[in-house]
Every structure is written in C-alpha cells, then in structure tokens.
Amino acid sequence: MPKVGEEFLYDDVEDKVIVKKTFDDTAELERVKQIANSGGNSFASDYKFVGSVPMHLITDWIREAGVDMTDHNAVQEVMKKKLLSGEFDRLRVWKGKY
C-alpha cells in the first residue's frame, strides 16, 4: 500500500519520539471487493481465499500481540483472531468461519 504520510512527534511526558505513518488502503479494499463480487471462492476445493491484509496492518497486529514474526503458529492465530473479529470485514472475501 502506498504510504501517503509520515509525521514525527515528540512525547515529552514519556520522552520518546513517535513516528505516525499514514497509508491509503483504497486500492486494496477495492481489490477485495472485486474478488468477492467475481466469486473468488467459487472453485471446488477445501481451500478458501479468506481475504487480503496489507503488510503494514500485519506488522502492526503482530507488534500489538507481542508475537515474533518468525513464530508461524502465533502469527496465524493473530491473523485469524483479527479477521474473525468483525472489525476488519472489509478485508475479507470469504465470510465463513475457519
């Protein structure tokens, strides 16, 4: 996703620099919508295309959870929890449970 802004802020209470990054996910959301409307999961298989998550969100989710990016099972659980939470339904193509 294209980064559209970056701002450096100073928190004098905690004495630290905060980097605020802004992303435009419009293209990704349109892509997900297009795949869902075209029947992206209409093939006969046990596998489902659940959705598409921009890398900057994955990075944030993993950092928030305190999980190491190399721990595949933990990352998978974080992704599953976030996608099934309902908060990120616009990123999902398949609305079923897994």
C-alpha atoms as a PDB file:
ATOM      1  CA  MET A   1       0.000   0.000   0.000  1.00  0.00           C
ATOM      2  CA  PRO A   2       1.269   3.431  -0.764  1.00  0.00           C
ATOM      3  CA  LYS A   3       2.359   5.405   2.232  1.00  0.00           C
ATOM      4  CA  VAL A   4       0.828   8.876   1.954  1.00  0.00           C
ATOM      5  CA  GLY A   5       2.326  10.494   5.002  1.00  0.00           C
ATOM      6  CA  GLU A   6       4.821  10.265   7.789  1.00  0.00           C
ATOM      7  CA  GLU A   7       4.946  12.530  10.807  1.00  0.00           C
ATOM      8  CA  PHE A   8       7.450  12.657  13.660  1.00  0.00           C
ATOM      9  CA  LEU A   9       6.039  13.634  17.038  1.00  0.00           C
ATOM     10  CA  TYR A  10       7.745  14.073  20.378  1.00  0.00           C
ATOM     11  CA  ASP A  11       6.098  12.881  23.590  1.00  0.00           C
ATOM     12  CA  ASP A  12       7.701  14.953  26.323  1.00  0.00           C
ATOM     13  CA  VAL A  13       5.855  13.065  29.062  1.00  0.00           C
ATOM     14  CA  GLU A  14       7.436   9.719  28.111  1.00  0.00           C
ATOM     15  CA  ASP A  15      10.498  11.348  26.490  1.00  0.00           C
ATOM     16  CA  LYS A  16      10.221   9.449  23.217  1.00  0.00           C
ATOM     17  CA  VAL A  17       9.773  10.086  19.504  1.00  0.00           C
ATOM     18  CA  ILE A  18       6.632   8.732  17.844  1.00  0.00           C
ATOM     19  CA  VAL A  19       6.528   8.060  14.116  1.00  0.00           C
ATOM     20  CA  LYS A  20       2.995   8.367  12.771  1.00  0.00           C
ATOM     21  CA  LYS A  21       2.593   6.742   9.345  1.00  0.00           C
ATOM     22  CA  THR A  22      -0.492   7.148   7.173  1.00  0.00           C
ATOM     23  CA  PHE A  23      -1.418   4.676   4.432  1.00  0.00           C
ATOM     24  CA  ASP A  24      -4.041   4.722   1.676  1.00  0.00           C
ATOM     25  CA  ASP A  25      -5.646   1.260   1.532  1.00  0.00           C
ATOM     26  CA  THR A  26      -8.326   2.201  -1.013  1.00  0.00           C
ATOM     27  CA  ALA A  27      -6.789   0.095  -3.792  1.00  0.00           C
ATOM     28  CA  GLU A  28      -6.585  -2.980  -1.522  1.00  0.00           C
ATOM     29  CA  LEU A  29     -10.194  -2.571  -0.378  1.00  0.00           C
ATOM     30  CA  GLU A  30     -11.365  -2.242  -3.994  1.00  0.00           C
ATOM     31  CA  ARG A  31      -9.381  -5.360  -4.932  1.00  0.00           C
ATOM     32  CA  VAL A  32     -11.020  -7.379  -2.149  1.00  0.00           C
ATOM     33  CA  LYS A  33     -14.455  -6.097  -3.162  1.00  0.00           C
ATOM     34  CA  GLN A  34     -13.821  -7.025  -6.800  1.00  0.00           C
ATOM     35  CA  ILE A  35     -12.662 -10.549  -5.898  1.00  0.00           C
ATOM     36  CA  ALA A  36     -15.709 -11.063  -3.664  1.00  0.00           C
ATOM     37  CA  ASN A  37     -18.094  -9.839  -6.374  1.00  0.00           C
ATOM     38  CA  SER A  38     -16.499 -12.084  -9.008  1.00  0.00           C
ATOM     39  CA  GLY A  39     -16.983 -15.221  -6.930  1.00  0.00           C
ATOM     40  CA  GLY A  40     -13.341 -15.536  -5.872  1.00  0.00           C
ATOM     41  CA  ASN A  41     -14.081 -18.721  -3.909  1.00  0.00           C
ATOM     42  CA  SER A  42     -16.342 -20.454  -6.390  1.00  0.00           C
ATOM     43  CA  PHE A  43     -13.825 -23.195  -7.192  1.00  0.00           C
ATOM     44  CA  ALA A  44     -14.299 -26.711  -5.855  1.00  0.00           C
ATOM     45  CA  SER A  45     -11.703 -27.031  -3.127  1.00  0.00           C
ATOM     46  CA  ASP A  46     -11.188 -27.337   0.597  1.00  0.00           C
ATOM     47  CA  TYR A  47      -9.142 -24.123   0.485  1.00  0.00           C
ATOM     48  CA  LYS A  48     -10.730 -20.693   0.761  1.00  0.00           C
ATOM     49  CA  PHE A  49      -9.364 -17.270  -0.051  1.00  0.00           C
ATOM     50  CA  VAL A  50     -10.293 -15.579   3.226  1.00  0.00           C
ATOM     51  CA  GLY A  51      -9.095 -12.091   2.402  1.00  0.00           C
ATOM     52  CA  SER A  52      -6.195  -9.773   1.805  1.00  0.00           C
ATOM     53  CA  VAL A  53      -4.431  -7.798   4.528  1.00  0.00           C
ATOM     54  CA  PRO A  54      -1.955  -5.002   3.771  1.00  0.00           C
ATOM     55  CA  MET A  55       1.518  -5.666   5.162  1.00  0.00           C
ATOM     56  CA  HIS A  56       1.520  -2.576   7.365  1.00  0.00           C
ATOM     57  CA  LEU A  57      -1.559  -3.933   9.195  1.00  0.00           C
ATOM     58  CA  ILE A  58       0.011  -7.359   9.612  1.00  0.00           C
ATOM     59  CA  THR A  59       3.112  -5.738  11.089  1.00  0.00           C
ATOM     60  CA  ASP A  60       1.012  -3.646  13.490  1.00  0.00           C
ATOM     61  CA  TRP A  61      -1.113  -6.622  14.576  1.00  0.00           C
ATOM     62  CA  ILE A  62       1.956  -8.785  15.238  1.00  0.00           C
ATOM     63  CA  ARG A  63       3.644  -5.984  17.187  1.00  0.00           C
ATOM     64  CA  GLU A  64       0.480  -5.335  19.262  1.00  0.00           C
ATOM     65  CA  ALA A  65       0.205  -9.027  20.120  1.00  0.00           C
ATOM     66  CA  GLY A  66       3.863  -9.185  21.141  1.00  0.00           C
ATOM     67  CA  VAL A  67       4.453 -12.089  18.786  1.00  0.00           C
ATOM     68  CA  ASP A  68       7.665 -12.781  16.889  1.00  0.00           C
ATOM     69  CA  MET A  69       7.159 -12.656  13.109  1.00  0.00           C
ATOM     70  CA  THR A  70       9.037 -15.966  12.760  1.00  0.00           C
ATOM     71  CA  ASP A  71       6.575 -17.824  15.012  1.00  0.00           C
ATOM     72  CA  HIS A  72       4.294 -19.073  12.254  1.00  0.00           C
ATOM     73  CA  ASN A  73       1.620 -20.576  14.501  1.00  0.00           C
ATOM     74  CA  ALA A  74       1.366 -17.474  16.689  1.00  0.00           C
ATOM     75  CA  VAL A  75       1.151 -15.188  13.640  1.00  0.00           C
ATOM     76  CA  GLN A  76      -1.544 -17.421  12.167  1.00  0.00           C
ATOM     77  CA  GLU A  77      -3.578 -17.167  15.390  1.00  0.00           C
ATOM     78  CA  VAL A  78      -3.244 -13.377  15.497  1.00  0.00           C
ATOM     79  CA  MET A  79      -4.379 -13.103  11.861  1.00  0.00           C
ATOM     80  CA  LYS A  80      -7.312 -15.442  12.440  1.00  0.00           C
ATOM     81  CA  LYS A  81      -8.425 -13.558  15.555  1.00  0.00           C
ATOM     82  CA  LYS A  82      -8.258 -10.179  13.812  1.00  0.00           C
ATOM     83  CA  LEU A  83     -10.043 -11.338  10.652  1.00  0.00           C
ATOM     84  CA  LEU A  84     -12.819 -13.094  12.579  1.00  0.00           C
ATOM     85  CA  SER A  85     -13.323 -10.156  14.960  1.00  0.00           C
ATOM     86  CA  GLY A  86     -15.639  -8.377  12.528  1.00  0.00           C
ATOM     87  CA  GLU A  87     -13.631  -5.179  12.808  1.00  0.00           C
ATOM     88  CA  PHE A  88     -11.843  -5.897   9.520  1.00  0.00           C
ATOM     89  CA  ASP A  89     -14.704  -7.363   7.443  1.00  0.00           C
ATOM     90  CA  ARG A  90     -13.869  -5.098   4.522  1.00  0.00           C
ATOM     91  CA  LEU A  91     -10.618  -7.034   4.074  1.00  0.00           C
ATOM     92  CA  ARG A  92     -12.430 -10.375   3.850  1.00  0.00           C
ATOM     93  CA  VAL A  93     -13.626 -12.123   0.715  1.00  0.00           C
ATOM     94  CA  TRP A  94     -14.975 -15.264   2.366  1.00  0.00           C
ATOM     95  CA  LYS A  95     -17.245 -14.546   5.332  1.00  0.00           C
ATOM     96  CA  GLY A  96     -17.309 -18.082   6.742  1.00  0.00           C
ATOM     97  CA  LYS A  97     -15.709 -19.323   9.951  1.00  0.00           C
ATOM     98  CA  TYR A  98     -12.433 -21.202   9.942  1.00  0.00           C
END
